Protein backbone atom coordinates (compact mmCIF):
# COMPACT_ATOMS: atom_id res chain seq x y z
CA UNK A 1 103.39 25.99 36.05
CA UNK A 2 102.77 22.63 37.73
CA UNK A 3 99.27 21.18 37.65
CA UNK A 4 99.16 21.15 41.46
CA UNK A 5 99.87 24.88 41.60
CA UNK A 6 97.25 25.49 38.89
CA UNK A 7 94.77 23.49 40.95
CA UNK A 8 95.53 25.50 44.09
CA UNK A 9 95.16 28.85 42.32
CA UNK A 10 91.90 27.71 40.72
CA UNK A 11 90.70 26.75 44.19
CA UNK A 12 91.19 30.26 45.61
CA UNK A 13 87.69 31.63 44.79
CA UNK A 14 86.19 28.56 46.46
CA UNK A 15 88.47 28.94 49.49
CA UNK A 16 87.16 32.48 49.89
CA UNK A 17 83.62 31.05 50.03
CA UNK A 18 84.70 28.38 52.53
CA UNK A 19 86.45 30.89 54.81
CA UNK A 20 84.05 33.82 54.77
CA UNK A 21 80.66 32.27 53.99
CA UNK A 22 80.97 28.94 55.80
CA UNK A 23 83.75 29.52 58.33
CA UNK A 24 83.10 33.08 59.45
CA UNK A 25 79.35 32.90 58.70
CA UNK A 26 79.28 36.03 56.59
CA UNK A 27 76.06 36.47 54.62
CA UNK A 28 76.29 35.56 50.93
CA UNK A 29 75.63 39.21 50.08
CA UNK A 30 79.05 40.07 51.58
CA UNK A 31 81.07 36.90 50.99
CA UNK A 32 80.21 36.37 47.32
CA UNK A 33 81.47 39.78 46.13
CA UNK A 34 84.87 38.78 47.60
CA UNK A 35 84.74 35.47 45.76
CA UNK A 36 83.85 37.26 42.51
CA UNK A 37 86.74 39.71 42.94
CA UNK A 38 89.09 36.77 43.62
CA UNK A 39 88.12 34.88 40.47
CA UNK A 40 88.52 38.07 38.39
CA UNK A 41 92.00 38.71 39.81
CA UNK A 42 93.08 35.10 39.28
CA UNK A 43 91.62 35.16 35.77
CA UNK A 44 93.41 38.36 34.81
CA UNK A 45 96.80 37.85 36.49
CA UNK A 46 97.29 34.08 36.36
CA UNK A 47 95.12 32.76 33.51
CA UNK A 48 95.66 36.03 31.62
CA UNK A 49 92.10 36.07 30.31
CA UNK A 50 91.06 38.96 28.07
CA UNK A 51 89.05 41.59 29.93
CA UNK A 52 86.24 41.22 27.40
CA UNK A 53 85.99 37.50 28.25
CA UNK A 54 85.60 38.27 31.95
CA UNK A 55 82.99 40.90 31.11
CA UNK A 56 81.19 38.32 28.96
CA UNK A 57 81.18 35.79 31.80
CA UNK A 58 79.91 38.44 34.20
CA UNK A 59 77.06 39.48 31.90
CA UNK A 60 76.15 35.86 31.27
CA UNK A 61 76.04 35.36 35.04
CA UNK A 62 73.82 38.39 35.53
CA UNK A 63 71.32 37.03 33.02
CA UNK A 64 71.25 33.67 34.83
CA UNK A 65 70.87 35.49 38.16
CA UNK A 66 67.91 37.43 36.77
CA UNK A 67 66.26 34.18 35.70
CA UNK A 68 66.76 32.75 39.20
CA UNK A 69 65.26 35.84 40.81
CA UNK A 70 62.26 35.43 38.53
CA UNK A 71 61.76 31.87 39.84
CA UNK A 72 62.16 33.05 43.43
CA UNK A 73 59.59 35.79 42.91
CA UNK A 74 57.06 33.38 41.43
CA UNK A 75 57.57 30.83 44.19
CA UNK A 76 57.13 33.35 47.00
CA UNK A 77 54.13 34.83 45.19
CA UNK A 78 52.40 31.42 45.24
CA UNK A 79 53.06 31.11 48.98
CA UNK A 80 51.70 34.56 49.79
CA UNK A 81 48.71 34.08 47.48
CA UNK A 82 47.74 30.83 49.19
CA UNK A 83 48.37 32.40 52.59
CA UNK A 84 46.15 35.42 51.88
CA UNK A 85 43.42 33.32 50.23
CA UNK A 86 42.89 31.06 53.24
CA UNK A 87 44.16 27.98 51.38
CA UNK A 88 47.22 27.57 53.56
CA UNK A 89 45.18 27.03 56.73
CA UNK A 90 43.25 24.20 55.05
CA UNK A 91 46.39 22.63 53.55
CA UNK A 92 47.93 22.58 57.01
CA UNK A 93 44.88 20.85 58.46
CA UNK A 94 44.84 18.27 55.68
CA UNK A 95 48.45 17.25 56.29
CA UNK A 96 47.85 17.07 60.03
CA UNK A 97 45.05 14.67 59.09
CA UNK A 98 47.63 12.39 57.47
CA UNK A 99 50.02 12.74 60.42
CA UNK A 100 50.61 15.38 63.05
CA UNK A 101 54.18 14.11 63.45
CA UNK A 102 56.59 16.60 61.90
CA UNK A 103 59.01 13.81 61.01
CA UNK A 104 56.35 12.17 58.84
CA UNK A 105 55.36 15.50 57.32
CA UNK A 106 58.92 16.36 56.28
CA UNK A 107 59.29 12.98 54.56
CA UNK A 108 56.05 13.47 52.62
CA UNK A 109 56.57 17.13 51.67
CA UNK A 110 60.34 17.34 51.18
CA UNK A 111 61.51 13.83 50.30
CA UNK A 112 58.58 12.71 48.12
CA UNK A 113 56.70 15.78 46.89
CA UNK A 114 59.97 17.69 46.48
CA UNK A 115 61.53 14.79 44.56
CA UNK A 116 58.51 14.61 42.25
CA UNK A 117 58.86 18.33 41.45
CA UNK A 118 62.60 17.82 40.88
CA UNK A 119 61.91 14.94 38.50
CA UNK A 120 59.47 17.06 36.51
CA UNK A 121 61.18 20.44 36.54
CA UNK A 122 64.61 20.49 38.22
CA UNK A 123 66.74 23.63 38.31
CA UNK A 124 66.04 24.41 41.98
CA UNK A 125 62.25 24.21 41.63
CA UNK A 126 61.73 21.63 44.43
CA UNK A 127 63.11 24.03 47.04
CA UNK A 128 60.99 26.81 45.55
CA UNK A 129 57.89 24.66 46.05
CA UNK A 130 58.60 22.46 49.08
CA UNK A 131 60.38 25.00 51.31
CA UNK A 132 57.55 27.57 51.33
CA UNK A 133 55.03 24.76 51.82
CA UNK A 134 56.93 23.53 54.89
CA UNK A 135 57.13 27.10 56.16
CA UNK A 136 53.38 27.40 55.73
CA UNK A 137 52.86 24.17 57.66
CA UNK A 138 54.64 25.67 60.67
CA UNK A 139 58.25 24.55 60.15
CA UNK A 140 60.98 27.01 61.14
CA UNK A 141 62.47 28.69 58.07
CA UNK A 142 65.90 27.22 58.80
CA UNK A 143 64.46 23.70 59.08
CA UNK A 144 62.60 24.12 55.78
CA UNK A 145 65.81 25.19 54.01
CA UNK A 146 67.86 22.31 55.47
CA UNK A 147 65.27 19.69 54.50
CA UNK A 148 64.67 21.28 51.08
CA UNK A 149 68.40 21.23 50.32
CA UNK A 150 69.07 17.69 51.57
CA UNK A 151 66.51 16.02 49.32
CA UNK A 152 68.10 17.65 46.26
CA UNK A 153 70.35 14.63 45.90
CA UNK A 154 68.63 11.35 44.95
CA UNK A 155 66.20 12.79 42.37
CA UNK A 156 68.62 15.31 40.85
CA UNK A 157 70.43 13.13 38.30
CA UNK A 158 67.09 12.48 36.61
CA UNK A 159 65.60 15.88 37.35
CA UNK A 160 63.91 17.96 34.67
CA UNK A 161 62.96 14.73 32.87
CA UNK A 162 66.52 13.38 32.80
CA UNK A 163 68.33 16.56 31.72
CA UNK A 164 71.52 16.06 33.85
CA UNK A 165 72.05 12.66 32.18
CA UNK A 166 70.68 13.22 28.69
CA UNK A 167 72.09 16.73 28.22
CA UNK A 168 74.78 16.86 30.91
CA UNK A 169 76.52 13.51 30.45
CA UNK A 170 75.46 13.18 26.81
CA UNK A 171 76.86 16.54 25.74
CA UNK A 172 79.88 16.14 28.00
CA UNK A 173 80.80 12.91 26.22
CA UNK A 174 80.43 14.44 22.79
CA UNK A 175 76.86 13.43 21.85
CA UNK A 176 78.14 10.92 19.31
CA UNK A 177 80.88 13.10 17.82
CA UNK A 178 83.88 11.76 19.79
CA UNK A 179 85.63 8.99 17.78
CA UNK A 180 87.15 7.42 20.89
CA UNK A 181 83.80 7.08 22.61
CA UNK A 182 82.20 5.84 19.39
CA UNK A 183 84.81 3.08 19.30
CA UNK A 184 84.27 2.33 22.99
CA UNK A 185 80.51 2.00 22.42
CA UNK A 186 81.10 -0.28 19.47
CA UNK A 187 83.36 -2.50 21.61
CA UNK A 188 80.54 -2.74 24.16
CA UNK A 189 78.45 -4.35 21.44
CA UNK A 190 76.30 -1.30 20.71
CA UNK A 191 75.59 -1.02 16.99
CA UNK A 192 76.76 2.47 16.02
CA UNK A 193 75.74 2.29 12.37
CA UNK A 194 72.30 2.18 10.79
CA UNK A 195 70.94 -0.31 8.27
CA UNK A 196 72.73 1.49 5.44
CA UNK A 197 76.06 1.04 7.20
CA UNK A 198 76.56 4.72 8.03
CA UNK A 199 77.31 6.18 11.45
CA UNK A 200 74.11 7.09 13.26
CA UNK A 201 75.06 8.82 16.53
CA UNK A 202 71.51 9.36 17.75
CA UNK A 203 70.55 5.71 17.23
CA UNK A 204 73.32 4.32 19.42
CA UNK A 205 73.98 7.20 21.77
CA UNK A 206 70.73 6.82 23.67
CA UNK A 207 71.65 3.19 24.33
CA UNK A 208 75.12 4.17 25.48
CA UNK A 209 73.89 6.92 27.84
CA UNK A 210 71.21 4.55 29.15
CA UNK A 211 73.96 2.16 30.32
CA UNK A 212 75.49 4.95 32.38
CA UNK A 213 72.03 5.97 33.60
CA UNK A 214 71.39 2.45 34.93
CA UNK A 215 74.61 2.65 36.96
CA UNK A 216 73.63 6.10 38.24
CA UNK A 217 70.28 4.75 39.46
CA UNK A 218 71.97 1.92 41.38
CA UNK A 219 74.38 4.37 43.04
CA UNK A 220 71.47 6.64 43.98
CA UNK A 221 69.71 3.62 45.49
CA UNK A 222 72.77 3.19 47.73
CA UNK A 223 72.79 6.86 48.74
CA UNK A 224 69.04 7.44 48.80
CA UNK A 225 68.35 4.50 51.11
CA UNK A 226 69.27 6.65 54.13
CA UNK A 227 68.25 10.11 52.91
CA UNK A 228 64.86 10.31 54.73
CA UNK A 229 66.53 9.05 57.92
CA UNK A 230 69.17 11.77 57.67
CA UNK A 231 66.48 14.40 57.08
CA UNK A 232 64.44 13.48 60.16
CA UNK A 233 67.54 13.07 62.32
CA UNK A 234 68.76 16.54 61.31
CA UNK A 235 65.27 17.89 62.04
CA UNK A 236 65.16 16.59 65.61
CA UNK A 237 68.83 17.30 66.34
CA UNK A 238 68.87 20.93 65.25
CA UNK A 239 65.24 21.99 65.72
CA UNK A 240 64.00 19.93 68.63
CA UNK A 241 63.74 20.95 72.26
CA UNK A 242 65.96 18.01 73.23
CA UNK A 243 68.56 18.51 70.47
CA UNK A 244 68.49 14.77 69.94
CA UNK A 245 69.51 12.62 66.99
CA UNK A 246 67.72 9.74 68.70
CA UNK A 247 64.24 11.20 68.25
CA UNK A 248 64.78 11.23 64.49
CA UNK A 249 66.38 7.79 64.40
CA UNK A 250 63.39 6.51 66.40
CA UNK A 251 61.23 6.39 63.26
CA UNK A 252 63.84 4.46 61.27
CA UNK A 253 61.31 1.80 60.11
CA UNK A 254 59.08 4.43 58.50
CA UNK A 255 62.07 6.40 57.15
CA UNK A 256 63.62 3.35 55.48
CA UNK A 257 60.21 2.25 54.18
CA UNK A 258 59.75 5.73 52.67
CA UNK A 259 63.18 5.51 51.08
CA UNK A 260 62.42 2.14 49.50
CA UNK A 261 58.93 3.26 48.40
CA UNK A 262 60.74 5.77 46.16
CA UNK A 263 64.06 4.14 45.28
CA UNK A 264 62.78 0.67 44.29
CA UNK A 265 60.34 2.07 41.67
CA UNK A 266 63.14 4.53 40.78
CA UNK A 267 65.54 1.72 39.84
CA UNK A 268 62.87 -0.35 38.07
CA UNK A 269 61.59 2.57 35.99
CA UNK A 270 65.16 3.48 35.08
CA UNK A 271 65.93 -0.05 33.92
CA UNK A 272 62.70 -1.16 32.28
CA UNK A 273 60.75 1.97 31.30
CA UNK A 274 62.75 5.14 30.55
CA UNK A 275 65.61 6.69 32.48
CA UNK A 276 64.24 10.20 31.84
CA UNK A 277 61.14 9.40 33.95
CA UNK A 278 63.11 7.84 36.82
CA UNK A 279 62.72 10.55 39.48
CA UNK A 280 59.31 11.84 38.47
CA UNK A 281 57.47 8.50 38.38
CA UNK A 282 59.51 6.96 41.20
CA UNK A 283 58.66 9.84 43.55
CA UNK A 284 55.00 9.89 42.48
CA UNK A 285 54.63 6.17 43.21
CA UNK A 286 56.46 6.64 46.51
CA UNK A 287 54.22 9.59 47.43
CA UNK A 288 51.06 7.53 46.94
CA UNK A 289 52.46 4.55 48.88
CA UNK A 290 53.75 6.61 51.81
CA UNK A 291 50.63 8.79 52.21
CA UNK A 292 48.49 5.64 52.23
CA UNK A 293 50.80 4.03 54.79
CA UNK A 294 50.86 7.14 57.02
CA UNK A 295 47.06 7.50 56.97
CA UNK A 296 46.75 3.86 58.00
CA UNK A 297 49.41 4.21 60.74
CA UNK A 298 51.75 1.71 59.09
CA UNK A 299 55.17 1.89 60.84
CA UNK A 300 54.32 5.35 62.18
CA UNK A 301 54.98 6.32 65.82
CA UNK A 302 52.30 5.81 68.44
CA UNK A 303 50.14 8.86 69.08
CA UNK A 304 51.85 9.53 72.41
CA UNK A 305 55.24 9.57 70.65
CA UNK A 306 54.23 12.20 68.10
CA UNK A 307 57.07 14.67 67.63
CA UNK A 308 56.49 18.39 67.14
CA UNK A 309 58.40 21.62 67.43
CA UNK A 310 58.16 23.52 70.69
CA UNK A 311 55.83 26.50 70.92
CA UNK A 312 56.80 29.11 68.34
CA UNK A 313 57.33 31.80 70.96
CA UNK A 314 60.13 29.65 72.43
CA UNK A 315 61.96 29.09 69.13
CA UNK A 316 65.59 30.08 68.83
CA UNK A 317 65.55 33.42 66.92
CA UNK A 318 68.18 32.00 64.54
CA UNK A 319 65.58 29.54 63.19
CA UNK A 320 63.26 32.16 61.76
CA UNK A 321 63.26 34.36 58.68
CA UNK A 322 61.47 37.54 57.76
CA UNK A 323 58.38 35.91 56.27
CA UNK A 324 55.68 35.88 58.90
CA UNK A 325 53.25 33.02 58.27
CA UNK A 326 49.67 33.68 59.21
CA UNK A 327 46.59 31.56 58.66
CA UNK A 328 43.66 33.37 57.11
CA UNK A 329 40.35 31.58 57.57
CA UNK A 330 38.22 31.95 54.46
CA UNK A 331 34.61 32.90 55.29
CA UNK A 332 32.45 29.88 54.70
CA UNK A 333 35.48 27.58 54.71
CA UNK A 334 37.35 25.90 51.86
CA UNK A 335 37.48 22.26 50.81
CA UNK A 336 40.77 20.37 50.96
CA UNK A 337 40.76 19.82 47.18
CA UNK A 338 40.27 23.51 46.43
CA UNK A 339 42.99 24.43 48.94
CA UNK A 340 45.47 22.06 47.25
CA UNK A 341 44.57 23.20 43.72
CA UNK A 342 47.53 25.64 43.46
CA UNK A 343 50.02 22.80 43.97
CA UNK A 344 48.03 20.54 41.66
CA UNK A 345 48.22 23.36 39.08
CA UNK A 346 52.00 23.63 39.62
CA UNK A 347 52.53 19.90 39.12
CA UNK A 348 50.14 19.75 36.15
CA UNK A 349 51.63 22.72 34.30
CA UNK A 350 55.15 21.43 34.85
CA UNK A 351 54.22 18.04 33.44
CA UNK A 352 52.36 19.49 30.45
CA UNK A 353 55.16 21.89 29.51
CA UNK A 354 57.89 19.25 29.95
CA UNK A 355 56.25 16.16 28.44
CA UNK A 356 54.46 17.50 25.34
CA UNK A 357 57.28 17.93 22.77
CA UNK A 358 55.63 20.53 20.48
CA UNK A 359 54.64 22.73 23.42
CA UNK A 360 58.06 22.31 25.02
CA UNK A 361 59.77 23.30 21.76
CA UNK A 362 57.54 26.36 21.34
CA UNK A 363 58.14 27.58 24.90
CA UNK A 364 61.89 27.12 24.51
CA UNK A 365 61.87 29.07 21.25
CA UNK A 366 60.36 32.12 22.93
CA UNK A 367 63.47 33.54 24.55
CA UNK A 368 65.25 36.77 25.32
CA UNK A 369 68.72 36.38 23.82
CA UNK A 370 71.53 38.66 24.86
CA UNK A 371 74.31 39.55 22.38
CA UNK A 372 77.61 37.72 22.65
CA UNK A 373 80.31 39.44 24.71
CA UNK A 374 83.76 37.91 24.70
CA UNK A 375 82.41 34.91 22.84
CA UNK A 376 79.82 34.23 25.56
CA UNK A 377 76.08 34.63 25.25
CA UNK A 378 73.00 33.63 27.20
CA UNK A 379 69.29 33.40 26.59
CA UNK A 380 66.40 33.52 29.01
CA UNK A 381 63.59 31.15 28.03
CA UNK A 382 61.06 33.11 30.01
CA UNK A 383 57.92 31.18 29.01
CA UNK A 384 59.55 27.83 29.87
CA UNK A 385 60.78 29.13 33.23
CA UNK A 386 59.15 27.73 36.39
CA UNK A 387 58.74 31.39 37.38
CA UNK A 388 56.13 31.83 34.67
CA UNK A 389 54.31 28.72 35.86
CA UNK A 390 54.27 30.07 39.41
CA UNK A 391 52.84 33.43 38.29
CA UNK A 392 50.13 31.69 36.23
CA UNK A 393 49.29 29.49 39.22
CA UNK A 394 49.08 32.58 41.43
CA UNK A 395 46.56 34.15 39.02
CA UNK A 396 44.54 30.91 38.88
CA UNK A 397 44.55 30.77 42.68
CA UNK A 398 43.22 34.34 42.82
CA UNK A 399 40.28 33.16 40.73
CA UNK A 400 39.51 29.70 42.18
CA UNK A 401 40.01 30.78 45.79
CA UNK A 402 37.82 33.84 45.24
CA UNK A 403 40.33 36.30 46.66
CA UNK A 404 39.76 39.98 47.25
CA UNK A 405 41.82 42.28 45.04
CA UNK A 406 43.48 44.10 47.95
CA UNK A 407 44.65 40.77 49.45
CA UNK A 408 46.12 39.73 46.10
CA UNK A 409 47.91 43.05 45.64
CA UNK A 410 49.35 42.58 49.12
CA UNK A 411 50.72 39.17 48.07
CA UNK A 412 52.52 40.72 45.06
CA UNK A 413 54.07 43.46 47.19
CA UNK A 414 55.32 40.99 49.78
CA UNK A 415 56.79 38.68 47.10
CA UNK A 416 58.61 41.61 45.51
CA UNK A 417 60.11 42.63 48.83
CA UNK A 418 61.43 39.13 49.56
CA UNK A 419 62.90 38.78 46.05
CA UNK A 420 64.74 42.09 46.33
CA UNK A 421 66.51 40.74 49.41
CA UNK A 422 68.00 37.85 47.39
CA UNK A 423 69.26 39.99 44.54
CA UNK A 424 72.56 41.19 46.05
CA UNK A 425 73.82 37.68 46.78
CA UNK A 426 72.87 36.27 43.39
CA UNK A 427 74.24 39.09 41.24
CA UNK A 428 77.71 38.25 42.55
CA UNK A 429 77.36 34.48 43.01
CA UNK A 430 76.35 33.56 39.48
CA UNK A 431 78.82 35.86 37.65
CA UNK A 432 81.63 34.36 39.77
CA UNK A 433 80.52 30.92 38.61
CA UNK A 434 80.42 31.91 34.94
CA UNK A 435 83.87 33.52 34.99
CA UNK A 436 85.22 30.40 36.73
CA UNK A 437 83.67 27.96 34.24
CA UNK A 438 84.51 29.99 31.13
CA UNK A 439 88.18 30.48 31.96
CA UNK A 440 89.76 28.74 28.99
CA UNK A 441 91.71 30.31 26.16
CA UNK A 442 93.77 32.78 28.18
CA UNK A 443 97.22 33.95 27.14
CA UNK A 444 98.80 31.77 29.86
CA UNK A 445 97.47 28.71 28.00
CA UNK A 446 96.38 27.01 31.20
CA UNK A 447 93.57 24.52 31.62
CA UNK A 448 90.15 25.91 32.48
CA UNK A 449 89.93 26.41 36.23
CA UNK A 450 87.54 23.45 36.76
CA UNK A 451 89.82 21.19 34.71
CA UNK A 452 92.89 22.34 36.61
CA UNK A 453 91.18 21.45 39.89
CA UNK A 454 90.12 18.03 38.59
CA UNK A 455 93.53 17.22 37.09
CA UNK A 456 95.32 18.24 40.30
CA UNK A 457 92.98 16.03 42.33
CA UNK A 458 93.70 13.06 40.05
CA UNK A 459 97.43 13.60 40.44
CA UNK A 460 96.98 13.30 44.20
CA UNK A 461 94.42 10.46 44.22
CA UNK A 462 95.74 8.06 41.57
CA UNK A 463 94.15 4.59 41.85
CA UNK A 464 91.86 5.78 44.64
CA UNK A 465 89.97 7.76 42.02
CA UNK A 466 86.56 6.04 42.42
CA UNK A 467 86.45 7.51 45.94
CA UNK A 468 87.28 10.98 44.63
CA UNK A 469 85.29 11.03 41.38
CA UNK A 470 82.06 12.03 43.20
CA UNK A 471 83.92 14.82 45.00
CA UNK A 472 84.88 16.35 41.64
CA UNK A 473 81.27 16.09 40.48
CA UNK A 474 80.12 17.68 43.72
CA UNK A 475 82.66 20.47 43.41
CA UNK A 476 81.35 21.21 39.93
CA UNK A 477 77.77 21.45 41.17
CA UNK A 478 78.82 23.45 44.25
CA UNK A 479 80.34 26.11 42.04
CA UNK A 480 78.07 25.97 38.99
CA UNK A 481 74.81 25.36 40.85
CA UNK A 482 73.85 22.64 38.41
CA UNK A 483 74.32 18.89 38.11
CA UNK A 484 73.85 19.30 34.37
CA UNK A 485 76.71 21.81 34.07
CA UNK A 486 78.94 19.70 36.31
CA UNK A 487 78.33 16.66 34.09
CA UNK A 488 78.94 18.67 30.92
CA UNK A 489 82.20 19.95 32.37
CA UNK A 490 83.67 16.78 33.85
CA UNK A 491 82.14 13.70 32.16
CA UNK A 492 84.79 13.41 29.44
CA UNK A 493 87.55 14.05 31.99
CA UNK A 494 86.14 11.28 34.21
CA UNK A 495 85.81 8.92 31.24
CA UNK A 496 89.41 9.47 30.13
CA UNK A 497 90.75 9.26 33.70
CA UNK A 498 89.11 5.84 34.10
CA UNK A 499 90.76 4.65 30.91
CA UNK A 500 94.16 5.90 32.12
CA UNK A 501 93.81 4.00 35.39
CA UNK A 502 92.84 0.78 33.59
CA UNK A 503 95.65 1.12 31.02
CA UNK A 504 98.19 1.54 33.82
CA UNK A 505 97.04 -1.51 35.81
CA UNK A 506 96.83 -4.88 33.97
CA UNK A 507 95.04 -6.43 36.98
CA UNK A 508 92.01 -4.30 36.11
CA UNK A 509 91.68 -5.76 32.59
CA UNK A 510 88.60 -7.90 33.38
CA UNK A 511 86.71 -4.72 34.32
CA UNK A 512 88.30 -2.51 31.66
CA UNK A 513 85.04 -1.83 29.80
CA UNK A 514 83.11 -1.14 32.99
CA UNK A 515 85.46 1.39 34.55
CA UNK A 516 84.55 4.36 32.31
CA UNK A 517 80.81 3.67 32.66
CA UNK A 518 80.94 3.50 36.45
CA UNK A 519 83.34 6.41 36.92
CA UNK A 520 81.12 8.68 34.80
CA UNK A 521 78.18 7.45 36.88
CA UNK A 522 80.11 8.42 40.03
CA UNK A 523 80.60 11.86 38.49
CA UNK A 524 76.83 12.16 38.07
CA UNK A 525 76.24 11.05 41.67
CA UNK A 526 78.68 13.65 42.97
CA UNK A 527 77.10 16.30 40.79
CA UNK A 528 73.72 15.49 42.32
CA UNK A 529 75.12 15.48 45.86
CA UNK A 530 76.78 18.84 45.22
CA UNK A 531 73.35 20.43 44.92
CA UNK A 532 72.88 20.18 48.71
CA UNK A 533 75.78 22.60 49.26
CA UNK A 534 75.49 24.66 46.06
CA UNK A 535 75.76 28.35 46.92
CA UNK A 536 73.12 29.81 44.68
CA UNK A 537 70.69 26.96 45.43
CA UNK A 538 71.09 27.76 49.13
CA UNK A 539 70.54 31.45 48.41
CA UNK A 540 67.40 30.66 46.40
CA UNK A 541 66.00 28.23 48.98
CA UNK A 542 66.71 30.74 51.75
CA UNK A 543 65.07 33.56 49.82
CA UNK A 544 61.75 31.76 49.35
CA UNK A 545 61.36 31.40 53.13
CA UNK A 546 62.87 34.77 54.06
CA UNK A 547 66.03 33.28 55.57
CA UNK A 548 68.66 35.32 53.75
CA UNK A 549 71.98 36.17 55.37
CA UNK A 550 72.68 32.80 56.97
CA UNK A 551 73.64 30.76 53.93
CA UNK A 552 76.94 29.69 55.53
CA UNK A 553 75.12 28.11 58.46
CA UNK A 554 73.03 26.07 56.04
CA UNK A 555 76.09 24.82 54.14
CA UNK A 556 77.88 23.93 57.39
CA UNK A 557 75.05 21.52 58.17
CA UNK A 558 74.28 20.15 54.71
CA UNK A 559 78.00 19.57 54.10
CA UNK A 560 77.88 16.59 56.48
CA UNK A 561 75.17 15.04 54.34
CA UNK A 562 77.10 15.86 51.15
CA UNK A 563 80.10 13.90 52.47
CA UNK A 564 77.88 10.89 53.14
CA UNK A 565 76.19 11.07 49.74
CA UNK A 566 79.47 11.40 47.83
CA UNK A 567 81.58 9.03 49.91
CA UNK A 568 79.31 5.98 50.44
CA UNK A 569 78.32 5.58 46.76
CA UNK A 570 81.99 6.25 45.98
CA UNK A 571 83.00 3.39 48.28
CA UNK A 572 80.41 1.17 46.57
CA UNK A 573 81.88 2.09 43.17
CA UNK A 574 85.42 1.42 44.39
CA UNK A 575 84.39 -1.97 45.81
CA UNK A 576 82.72 -2.99 42.56
CA UNK A 577 85.53 -1.84 40.27
CA UNK A 578 88.33 -3.39 42.33
CA UNK A 579 86.46 -6.60 43.23
CA UNK A 580 88.26 -8.77 40.64
CA UNK A 581 91.69 -7.22 41.16
CA UNK A 582 91.73 -6.95 44.96
CA UNK A 583 89.03 -9.39 46.06
CA UNK A 584 85.95 -8.72 48.18
CA UNK A 585 87.96 -7.26 51.07
CA UNK A 586 89.10 -4.15 49.25
CA UNK A 587 89.13 -0.60 50.63
CA UNK A 588 85.66 0.20 49.34
CA UNK A 589 84.13 -2.93 50.88
CA UNK A 590 85.83 -2.23 54.20
CA UNK A 591 84.49 1.34 54.26
CA UNK A 592 80.97 0.09 53.54
CA UNK A 593 81.19 -2.70 56.12
CA UNK A 594 82.35 -0.31 58.84
CA UNK A 595 79.76 2.33 57.94
CA UNK A 596 76.79 -0.05 57.95
CA UNK A 597 78.02 -1.83 61.09
CA UNK A 598 78.05 1.53 62.89
CA UNK A 599 74.62 2.36 61.47
CA UNK A 600 73.14 -0.95 62.67
CA UNK A 601 74.66 -0.42 66.11
CA UNK A 602 73.24 3.12 66.32
CA UNK A 603 69.76 1.94 65.35
CA UNK A 604 69.90 -1.14 67.62
CA UNK A 605 70.91 0.91 70.67
CA UNK A 606 68.63 3.87 69.98
CA UNK A 607 65.84 2.65 72.28
CA UNK A 608 68.18 2.81 75.25
CA UNK A 609 69.16 6.37 74.43
CA UNK A 610 65.51 7.34 74.06
CA UNK A 611 64.70 5.81 77.46
CA UNK A 612 67.45 7.85 79.09
CA UNK A 613 66.21 10.95 77.29
CA UNK A 614 62.61 10.40 78.37
CA UNK A 615 63.53 9.74 81.99
CA UNK A 616 65.64 12.90 82.25
CA UNK A 617 63.22 15.26 80.45
CA UNK A 618 59.49 15.69 81.10
CA UNK A 619 57.32 13.86 78.58
CA UNK A 620 55.39 17.04 77.73
CA UNK A 621 58.44 18.46 76.00
CA UNK A 622 58.22 15.86 73.24
CA UNK A 623 54.60 16.58 72.34
């Protein structure tokens, strides 16, 4: 069977998602069972996988789904606890004190606070924290999901204290056990032996992975530079009375400043401190800088240009979910610090459990391990799960906010009801993913489905591969729901593909040693970008704000941002890698020049569009 046909057949479960979930807007609870059935049929009839292997993948997926539902439950429980305690009303007032402009609020809460949580915890936690917080601040559920998904791009490669790079890329490239990569590292000048002259993989491998990590940070700087601007433009275009991109673009100075406040420390920390702390410290520094700037009205809109949603009673019904936010006023009031304590507890517990090695090791050792089925097993590290942190924080909030028992019981019941609604979608989504990923070793002796897709794409792309490498990384994350898994799956393939391209083109010899490093970095960028369209991330983010059933609508919108985040860094990578062979006016450079020329034109002419908008629509609509 040709590799192109293998690639097409492997694509079928994903095509089902594209057609039914995204195209026909079926809810994930109906579309994902079809995708699961498709991957099972393809696995049995084409890949000829043993039934026990498919059962093993399904069970493994169910365990992962259960762990995700646990996180969802904990996240929603924190929201309802804060809502019932009266803390949410005070949190809302405190953020309005920084800025009443929703565009500024979404940058602070989603882009910066969400990125900090991603850097510390990862694995979908930022959406579980930031999306309910935005909902509580008065954002439509749909807007909260869109913003929460879009920011899961720049910080993701260094999320969970660098796990997608350290574990994802590191394990994917053999963690020091691959002789070819050992030789490559040695040729780079990295000393792969210790003082006694024996191979010491750990000693050199951190240096080798750090080189890739530096490239990843630069590529994220390219993509992340416009992320806040995209977020606010999407907010005003899809959730504003005027349906205008221009109202979001209008705060481009503050949006670009907020991007640089995060991405400049991000690159510097990656290069000179430790790549594992890139997202966490970069976002924390950015958060402090941007809040200070917003409070002091630096680059923020004038008061009369403050942008807000229209009155809630006039919202489009499609914007809202089934979580009804209400603001309970605590008798006697509550200080801002006490109101924010739950989120301070969340951040503190995440940092403590992730940055203290003995505690981290202990929590990871306490796990529920399920027996192997078809050679596949899974364990649930329940104490290390963000879900456990959320439940602990909920209990602490009950105490420090002085809640009544009946109000707290009500919060638990409401959280359970919301979580139950997400279960149907996830118990089909994640098993489909696990069968897809673990599809090797069948009687047909075909490549694993992800490899077949990647190999077929390479056959079609050839020397244009730097433009397509992020797409493969994104596809891996879209299916697997994890940048780490995508990097584990495709890093070696990307590394070897880069070497094949260089070996087949003598003109690329001057950059021969850089190609594999940059192409693997492009894989990591794509894997991060893929999180914004990942099915089970969308399901989880939707669940925590009660927006289940419209996952396809979310992906239809975030897909535009995914294309930007995969394609522009890809063009940068292409330009860099082909600079010596093709000169500065290569395809990548042309793509970048055209893109940024259009961007500058759009920004430069935005005032005129705003004037036309303001003269045709009453001013009161915008405030």
